[in-house]
Amino acid sequence: MTHALFGNNFLTMVVLVFIALMLLMEGLYLLWRSHRSQGARQLQQRLQSLQQAAGDPTQINVLRERALSELPTLQRTLARLRSARHMDRLLQQAGSDWSVSRLLLTSAACAVVALMAASQLARLPGLPALAVGAACALLPWFYLRRQRARRLHQIERQLPEALDLVTRALRAGHTFPIGMQMIAQEMRGPIAAEFSLVHDEISFGASLEQALTHLSERVPITDLRYFVVSVLIQRESGGNLTEILSNLSRLIRERLKLLSKVRVLSADGRLSGWIIGLMPFALAGAFNLVNPKFISTLWTDPIGITIVKYMLGLMAVGVLMLRHIVRIRV
């Protein structure tokens, strides 16, 4: 009798422990799902994208301000700097989830690591080592600007298709905000995320003019500003919006075709500019590996330092001239 009772208690305890473990695993899964799952990350990115810097205080601002730093003290310091808002706008336009403080810390870390490597490993003197550190400090900025240019280029390529989608929605009898929602749902990013913000702002109570103005500020593309101006003028003066958007889409496509032809024709000049600009540094690096004493005269002898200064100045002028020649706006 005692053995049976003990066996029943043990079986009951095993069942309870099993249920407790199952509940613990379920709780851990729900915790992971609410913070680390793909849906949670998408929701977090959506909420982060909805955080926008404060605009005109006289307008309705339905979006939260983006955090410039995770530290409250640094947040208050950066909030008083106008340049910090420009950095934050650069991060938004690049599609990055970094904060301004993280960008500054990354830039400082790159500068310190490059300075130590140049002074300790490469045995460079003080001034060249500082120049290397300053150049490496700009690497995160160059990366962000490249990401920004790539993202804006993608939006520019997607814009004609988005305008065609809005045109079809208007011809089918839908309203203009529904057309914005269709772009957000049926097209891919990054243009889908931007028009999703427009639809969210309108849904949260902002006027169409404010939402489109914020869109043109977030995405500084000339074609997109033409779209915004066209829509706002049509709402004030009237007219056939579907015909306006259809013509605008056709003009944007023709301009992109012409721009592609120009880029192909100017590819030779751009490649020549890259080769001419990088060749002196490549040769200096090769000489430094083969015969360091021969090339070290350029930064140890006063005459060599003067030659390097004039050379860098003339190279900068030449690079700017080549950039101006091959950069053709359409």
Protein backbone atom coordinates (compact mmCIF):
# COMPACT_ATOMS: atom_id res chain seq x y z
CA MET A 1 0.00 0.00 0.00
CA THR A 2 2.80 2.36 0.93
CA HIS A 3 4.71 1.43 -2.22
CA ALA A 4 1.67 2.14 -4.39
CA LEU A 5 1.10 5.48 -2.67
CA PHE A 6 4.75 6.41 -3.14
CA GLY A 7 4.53 5.38 -6.80
CA ASN A 8 1.45 7.56 -7.33
CA ASN A 9 3.12 10.56 -5.68
CA PHE A 10 6.23 10.08 -7.80
CA LEU A 11 4.14 9.81 -10.96
CA THR A 12 2.22 12.94 -9.98
CA MET A 13 5.47 14.82 -9.36
CA VAL A 14 6.87 13.71 -12.72
CA VAL A 15 3.73 14.95 -14.47
CA LEU A 16 3.88 18.26 -12.61
CA VAL A 17 7.58 18.72 -13.44
CA PHE A 18 6.83 17.93 -17.08
CA ILE A 19 4.00 20.47 -17.15
CA ALA A 20 6.23 23.06 -15.46
CA LEU A 21 8.98 22.48 -18.02
CA MET A 22 6.49 22.77 -20.86
CA LEU A 23 5.14 26.01 -19.44
CA LEU A 24 8.69 27.31 -18.99
CA MET A 25 9.58 26.47 -22.59
CA GLU A 26 6.36 28.08 -23.79
CA GLY A 27 7.12 31.21 -21.79
CA LEU A 28 10.66 31.38 -23.17
CA TYR A 29 9.33 30.91 -26.69
CA LEU A 30 6.76 33.67 -26.25
CA LEU A 31 9.45 35.94 -24.80
CA TRP A 32 11.72 35.25 -27.77
CA ARG A 33 8.85 35.68 -30.19
CA SER A 34 7.93 39.07 -28.74
CA HIS A 35 11.50 40.41 -28.90
CA ARG A 36 13.71 38.44 -31.31
CA SER A 37 11.50 36.82 -33.93
CA GLN A 38 11.28 38.06 -37.50
CA GLY A 39 7.87 39.62 -36.93
CA ALA A 40 9.13 41.42 -33.83
CA ARG A 41 12.14 42.74 -35.70
CA GLN A 42 9.95 43.95 -38.53
CA LEU A 43 7.66 45.66 -36.02
CA GLN A 44 10.65 47.25 -34.33
CA GLN A 45 11.99 48.50 -37.66
CA ARG A 46 8.55 49.88 -38.48
CA LEU A 47 8.39 51.73 -35.17
CA GLN A 48 11.92 53.04 -35.62
CA SER A 49 11.08 54.26 -39.09
CA LEU A 50 8.06 56.05 -37.64
CA GLN A 51 10.36 58.05 -35.35
CA GLN A 52 11.08 61.32 -37.12
CA ALA A 53 12.78 64.46 -36.04
CA ALA A 54 10.55 67.29 -34.94
CA GLY A 55 9.55 69.59 -37.75
CA ASP A 56 7.62 72.81 -37.77
CA PRO A 57 6.05 73.24 -34.31
CA THR A 58 2.96 74.79 -35.89
CA GLN A 59 2.19 71.55 -37.74
CA ILE A 60 0.73 68.37 -36.34
CA ASN A 61 3.58 66.00 -35.53
CA VAL A 62 2.23 62.46 -35.20
CA LEU A 63 5.64 60.77 -35.28
CA ARG A 64 8.01 60.34 -32.35
CA GLU A 65 11.43 61.89 -32.29
CA ARG A 66 14.24 59.49 -33.01
CA ALA A 67 16.61 58.85 -30.14
CA LEU A 68 20.03 60.33 -30.82
CA SER A 69 21.67 58.22 -28.12
CA GLU A 70 20.84 55.43 -25.71
CA LEU A 71 22.39 57.41 -22.85
CA PRO A 72 20.11 60.13 -21.41
CA THR A 73 22.97 62.56 -20.73
CA LEU A 74 24.38 62.23 -24.24
CA GLN A 75 20.85 62.42 -25.66
CA ARG A 76 20.28 65.80 -24.02
CA THR A 77 23.65 67.06 -25.25
CA LEU A 78 23.09 65.96 -28.84
CA ALA A 79 19.52 67.27 -28.85
CA ARG A 80 20.88 70.81 -28.46
CA LEU A 81 23.12 70.46 -31.53
CA ARG A 82 21.65 71.19 -34.94
CA SER A 83 24.38 69.13 -36.62
CA ALA A 84 23.18 66.07 -34.69
CA ARG A 85 19.81 66.34 -36.43
CA HIS A 86 21.57 66.47 -39.79
CA MET A 87 23.49 63.32 -38.85
CA ASP A 88 20.24 61.65 -37.83
CA ARG A 89 18.64 62.61 -41.13
CA LEU A 90 21.63 61.07 -42.94
CA LEU A 91 21.11 57.85 -41.00
CA GLN A 92 17.42 57.83 -41.90
CA GLN A 93 18.09 58.41 -45.57
CA ALA A 94 20.70 55.64 -45.56
CA GLY A 95 18.18 53.24 -44.04
CA SER A 96 20.44 52.60 -41.05
CA ASP A 97 19.22 51.72 -37.56
CA TRP A 98 22.26 53.34 -35.94
CA SER A 99 21.96 56.25 -33.55
CA VAL A 100 24.00 59.43 -33.81
CA SER A 101 26.06 58.51 -30.75
CA ARG A 102 26.90 55.12 -32.24
CA LEU A 103 28.01 56.80 -35.45
CA LEU A 104 30.27 59.21 -33.56
CA LEU A 105 31.73 56.45 -31.39
CA THR A 106 32.39 54.26 -34.44
CA SER A 107 34.13 57.14 -36.20
CA ALA A 108 36.27 57.84 -33.12
CA ALA A 109 37.13 54.14 -32.76
CA CYS A 110 38.24 53.95 -36.40
CA ALA A 111 40.42 57.01 -35.92
CA VAL A 112 42.09 55.64 -32.78
CA VAL A 113 42.73 52.18 -34.26
CA ALA A 114 44.12 53.64 -37.49
CA LEU A 115 46.31 56.10 -35.57
CA MET A 116 47.80 53.35 -33.39
CA ALA A 117 48.33 51.07 -36.38
CA ALA A 118 50.02 53.82 -38.39
CA SER A 119 52.28 54.91 -35.54
CA GLN A 120 53.12 51.53 -34.01
CA LEU A 121 53.01 49.08 -36.91
CA ALA A 122 53.81 51.23 -39.94
CA ARG A 123 56.22 53.44 -37.92
CA LEU A 124 54.88 56.62 -39.50
CA PRO A 125 55.78 59.98 -37.91
CA GLY A 126 53.23 62.13 -36.13
CA LEU A 127 51.73 64.17 -38.97
CA PRO A 128 51.21 61.31 -41.47
CA ALA A 129 49.84 59.12 -38.68
CA LEU A 130 47.33 61.82 -37.76
CA ALA A 131 46.36 62.15 -41.42
CA VAL A 132 45.75 58.39 -41.61
CA GLY A 133 43.65 58.50 -38.43
CA ALA A 134 41.58 61.43 -39.72
CA ALA A 135 41.02 59.66 -43.03
CA CYS A 136 39.87 56.46 -41.31
CA ALA A 137 37.54 58.48 -39.07
CA LEU A 138 35.64 59.44 -42.22
CA LEU A 139 35.12 55.83 -43.31
CA PRO A 140 31.74 55.41 -41.52
CA TRP A 141 30.55 58.65 -43.12
CA PHE A 142 31.61 57.52 -46.58
CA TYR A 143 29.85 54.21 -45.99
CA LEU A 144 26.64 55.93 -44.91
CA ARG A 145 26.73 58.32 -47.85
CA ARG A 146 27.23 55.40 -50.21
CA GLN A 147 24.30 53.57 -48.61
CA ARG A 148 22.23 56.74 -48.82
CA ALA A 149 23.03 57.19 -52.52
CA ARG A 150 22.24 53.54 -53.23
CA ARG A 151 18.94 53.70 -51.35
CA LEU A 152 17.87 56.94 -53.05
CA HIS A 153 18.82 55.45 -56.41
CA GLN A 154 16.61 52.43 -55.68
CA ILE A 155 13.70 54.68 -54.75
CA GLU A 156 14.24 56.70 -57.92
CA ARG A 157 14.12 53.52 -60.01
CA GLN A 158 10.96 52.33 -58.23
CA LEU A 159 9.13 55.66 -58.45
CA PRO A 160 7.65 55.26 -62.00
CA GLU A 161 6.16 51.88 -61.09
CA ALA A 162 4.75 53.37 -57.88
CA LEU A 163 3.15 56.23 -59.81
CA ASP A 164 1.63 53.75 -62.26
CA LEU A 165 0.19 51.82 -59.33
CA VAL A 166 -1.40 54.96 -57.89
CA THR A 167 -2.76 55.83 -61.34
CA ARG A 168 -4.40 52.43 -61.71
CA ALA A 169 -5.83 52.70 -58.20
CA LEU A 170 -7.36 56.11 -58.96
CA ARG A 171 -8.82 54.88 -62.24
CA ALA A 172 -10.37 51.93 -60.38
CA GLY A 173 -12.18 54.37 -58.08
CA HIS A 174 -9.93 54.24 -55.01
CA THR A 175 -8.86 57.30 -53.06
CA PHE A 176 -5.36 58.70 -53.09
CA PRO A 177 -4.47 57.45 -49.55
CA ILE A 178 -5.55 53.96 -50.63
CA GLY A 179 -3.08 54.29 -53.50
CA MET A 180 -0.36 55.07 -50.96
CA GLN A 181 -1.35 51.98 -49.01
CA MET A 182 -1.23 49.83 -52.15
CA ILE A 183 2.34 50.98 -52.80
CA ALA A 184 3.28 50.04 -49.23
CA GLN A 185 1.68 46.61 -49.53
CA GLU A 186 2.47 45.53 -53.10
CA MET A 187 5.93 46.97 -53.73
CA ARG A 188 9.25 46.17 -52.16
CA GLY A 189 11.44 48.38 -50.06
CA PRO A 190 12.77 50.96 -49.77
CA ILE A 191 9.94 52.84 -51.48
CA ALA A 192 7.32 50.68 -49.76
CA ALA A 193 8.56 51.75 -46.33
CA GLU A 194 8.49 55.45 -47.25
CA PHE A 195 4.94 55.36 -48.64
CA SER A 196 3.88 53.25 -45.68
CA LEU A 197 4.98 56.14 -43.47
CA VAL A 198 2.89 58.51 -45.58
CA HIS A 199 -0.18 56.33 -45.17
CA ASP A 200 0.45 55.95 -41.43
CA GLU A 201 0.77 59.71 -40.97
CA ILE A 202 -2.51 60.30 -42.81
CA SER A 203 -4.18 57.58 -40.75
CA PHE A 204 -2.90 59.12 -37.51
CA GLY A 205 -4.45 62.49 -38.30
CA ALA A 206 -1.88 64.45 -40.29
CA SER A 207 -3.00 66.20 -43.45
CA LEU A 208 -1.96 64.98 -46.87
CA GLU A 209 0.12 68.10 -47.39
CA GLN A 210 2.10 67.47 -44.19
CA ALA A 211 2.61 63.78 -44.97
CA LEU A 212 3.86 64.47 -48.49
CA THR A 213 6.07 67.30 -47.26
CA HIS A 214 7.68 64.96 -44.74
CA LEU A 215 8.16 62.42 -47.54
CA SER A 216 10.00 64.95 -49.70
CA GLU A 217 12.21 65.85 -46.73
CA ARG A 218 13.06 62.23 -45.97
CA VAL A 219 13.72 61.39 -49.63
CA PRO A 220 15.45 64.36 -51.34
CA ILE A 221 14.87 63.24 -54.92
CA THR A 222 13.89 65.75 -57.59
CA ASP A 223 11.42 63.40 -59.28
CA LEU A 224 9.70 62.68 -55.99
CA ARG A 225 9.42 66.39 -55.27
CA TYR A 226 7.78 66.85 -58.67
CA PHE A 227 5.27 64.21 -57.62
CA VAL A 228 4.58 65.95 -54.32
CA VAL A 229 4.21 69.37 -55.96
CA SER A 230 1.92 67.94 -58.64
CA VAL A 231 -0.39 66.33 -56.10
CA LEU A 232 -0.55 69.43 -53.89
CA ILE A 233 -1.23 71.76 -56.83
CA GLN A 234 -3.94 69.42 -58.14
CA ARG A 235 -5.66 69.41 -54.76
CA GLU A 236 -5.73 73.21 -54.70
CA SER A 237 -6.55 74.00 -58.32
CA GLY A 238 -8.15 70.79 -59.53
CA GLY A 239 -7.44 68.74 -62.63
CA ASN A 240 -7.09 65.14 -63.75
CA LEU A 241 -4.67 63.61 -61.25
CA THR A 242 -4.45 60.29 -63.10
CA GLU A 243 -3.30 62.03 -66.28
CA ILE A 244 -0.78 64.12 -64.33
CA LEU A 245 0.73 61.08 -62.63
CA SER A 246 0.77 59.09 -65.86
CA ASN A 247 2.65 61.84 -67.70
CA LEU A 248 5.04 62.26 -64.78
CA SER A 249 5.77 58.54 -64.73
CA ARG A 250 6.51 58.57 -68.46
CA LEU A 251 8.82 61.58 -68.13
CA ILE A 252 10.71 59.97 -65.25
CA ARG A 253 11.23 56.79 -67.28
CA GLU A 254 12.54 58.75 -70.25
CA ARG A 255 14.89 60.73 -68.00
CA LEU A 256 16.24 57.54 -66.42
CA LYS A 257 16.86 56.06 -69.86
CA LEU A 258 18.79 59.16 -70.92
CA LEU A 259 20.73 59.12 -67.65
CA SER A 260 21.72 55.50 -68.23
CA LYS A 261 23.01 56.37 -71.70
CA VAL A 262 25.00 59.27 -70.30
CA ARG A 263 26.54 57.04 -67.60
CA VAL A 264 27.59 54.52 -70.23
CA LEU A 265 29.20 57.21 -72.40
CA SER A 266 31.00 58.78 -69.42
CA ALA A 267 32.22 55.49 -67.94
CA ASP A 268 35.59 55.89 -69.67
CA GLY A 269 36.20 59.27 -68.06
CA ARG A 270 35.15 58.08 -64.63
CA LEU A 271 37.43 55.04 -64.83
CA SER A 272 40.32 57.24 -65.93
CA GLY A 273 39.68 59.51 -62.95
CA TRP A 274 39.82 56.60 -60.51
CA ILE A 275 43.02 55.24 -62.04
CA ILE A 276 44.76 58.61 -62.09
CA GLY A 277 43.67 59.37 -58.52
CA LEU A 278 44.71 56.03 -56.99
CA MET A 279 47.88 55.34 -58.97
CA PRO A 280 50.24 57.64 -56.94
CA PHE A 281 49.14 56.09 -53.63
CA ALA A 282 49.45 52.56 -55.02
CA LEU A 283 52.96 53.28 -56.31
CA ALA A 284 53.95 54.87 -52.98
CA GLY A 285 52.71 51.79 -51.13
CA ALA A 286 54.59 49.47 -53.49
CA PHE A 287 57.83 51.47 -53.10
CA ASN A 288 57.38 51.45 -49.33
CA LEU A 289 57.23 47.66 -49.36
CA VAL A 290 60.15 47.19 -51.76
CA ASN A 291 62.50 49.98 -50.64
CA PRO A 292 61.29 51.88 -47.53
CA LYS A 293 64.40 54.05 -47.27
CA PHE A 294 63.93 55.36 -50.80
CA ILE A 295 60.31 56.46 -50.35
CA SER A 296 60.65 57.61 -46.72
CA THR A 297 62.46 60.71 -47.96
CA LEU A 298 59.08 62.16 -48.94
CA TRP A 299 57.99 62.50 -45.31
CA THR A 300 61.33 62.81 -43.53
CA ASP A 301 63.14 65.41 -45.66
CA PRO A 302 61.75 68.99 -45.65
CA ILE A 303 61.94 69.18 -49.45
CA GLY A 304 60.06 65.88 -49.72
CA ILE A 305 57.35 67.13 -47.35
CA THR A 306 56.95 70.26 -49.48
CA ILE A 307 56.69 68.17 -52.64
CA VAL A 308 54.02 65.97 -51.02
CA LYS A 309 52.00 69.01 -49.96
CA TYR A 310 51.98 70.50 -53.44
CA MET A 311 51.31 67.10 -54.98
CA LEU A 312 48.29 66.46 -52.77
CA GLY A 313 46.93 69.94 -53.47
CA LEU A 314 47.28 69.55 -57.24
CA MET A 315 45.77 66.06 -57.06
CA ALA A 316 42.77 67.40 -55.16
CA VAL A 317 42.25 70.07 -57.80
CA GLY A 318 42.56 67.50 -60.57
CA VAL A 319 40.10 65.12 -58.92
CA LEU A 320 37.57 67.91 -58.51
CA MET A 321 37.96 68.92 -62.15
CA LEU A 322 37.53 65.33 -63.36
CA ARG A 323 34.52 64.91 -61.11
CA HIS A 324 32.98 68.06 -62.54
CA ILE A 325 33.62 66.87 -66.11
CA VAL A 326 32.16 63.37 -65.77
CA ARG A 327 29.27 64.33 -63.47
CA ILE A 328 26.55 65.17 -65.97
CA ARG A 329 23.12 66.01 -64.60
CA VAL A 330 20.05 64.99 -66.61
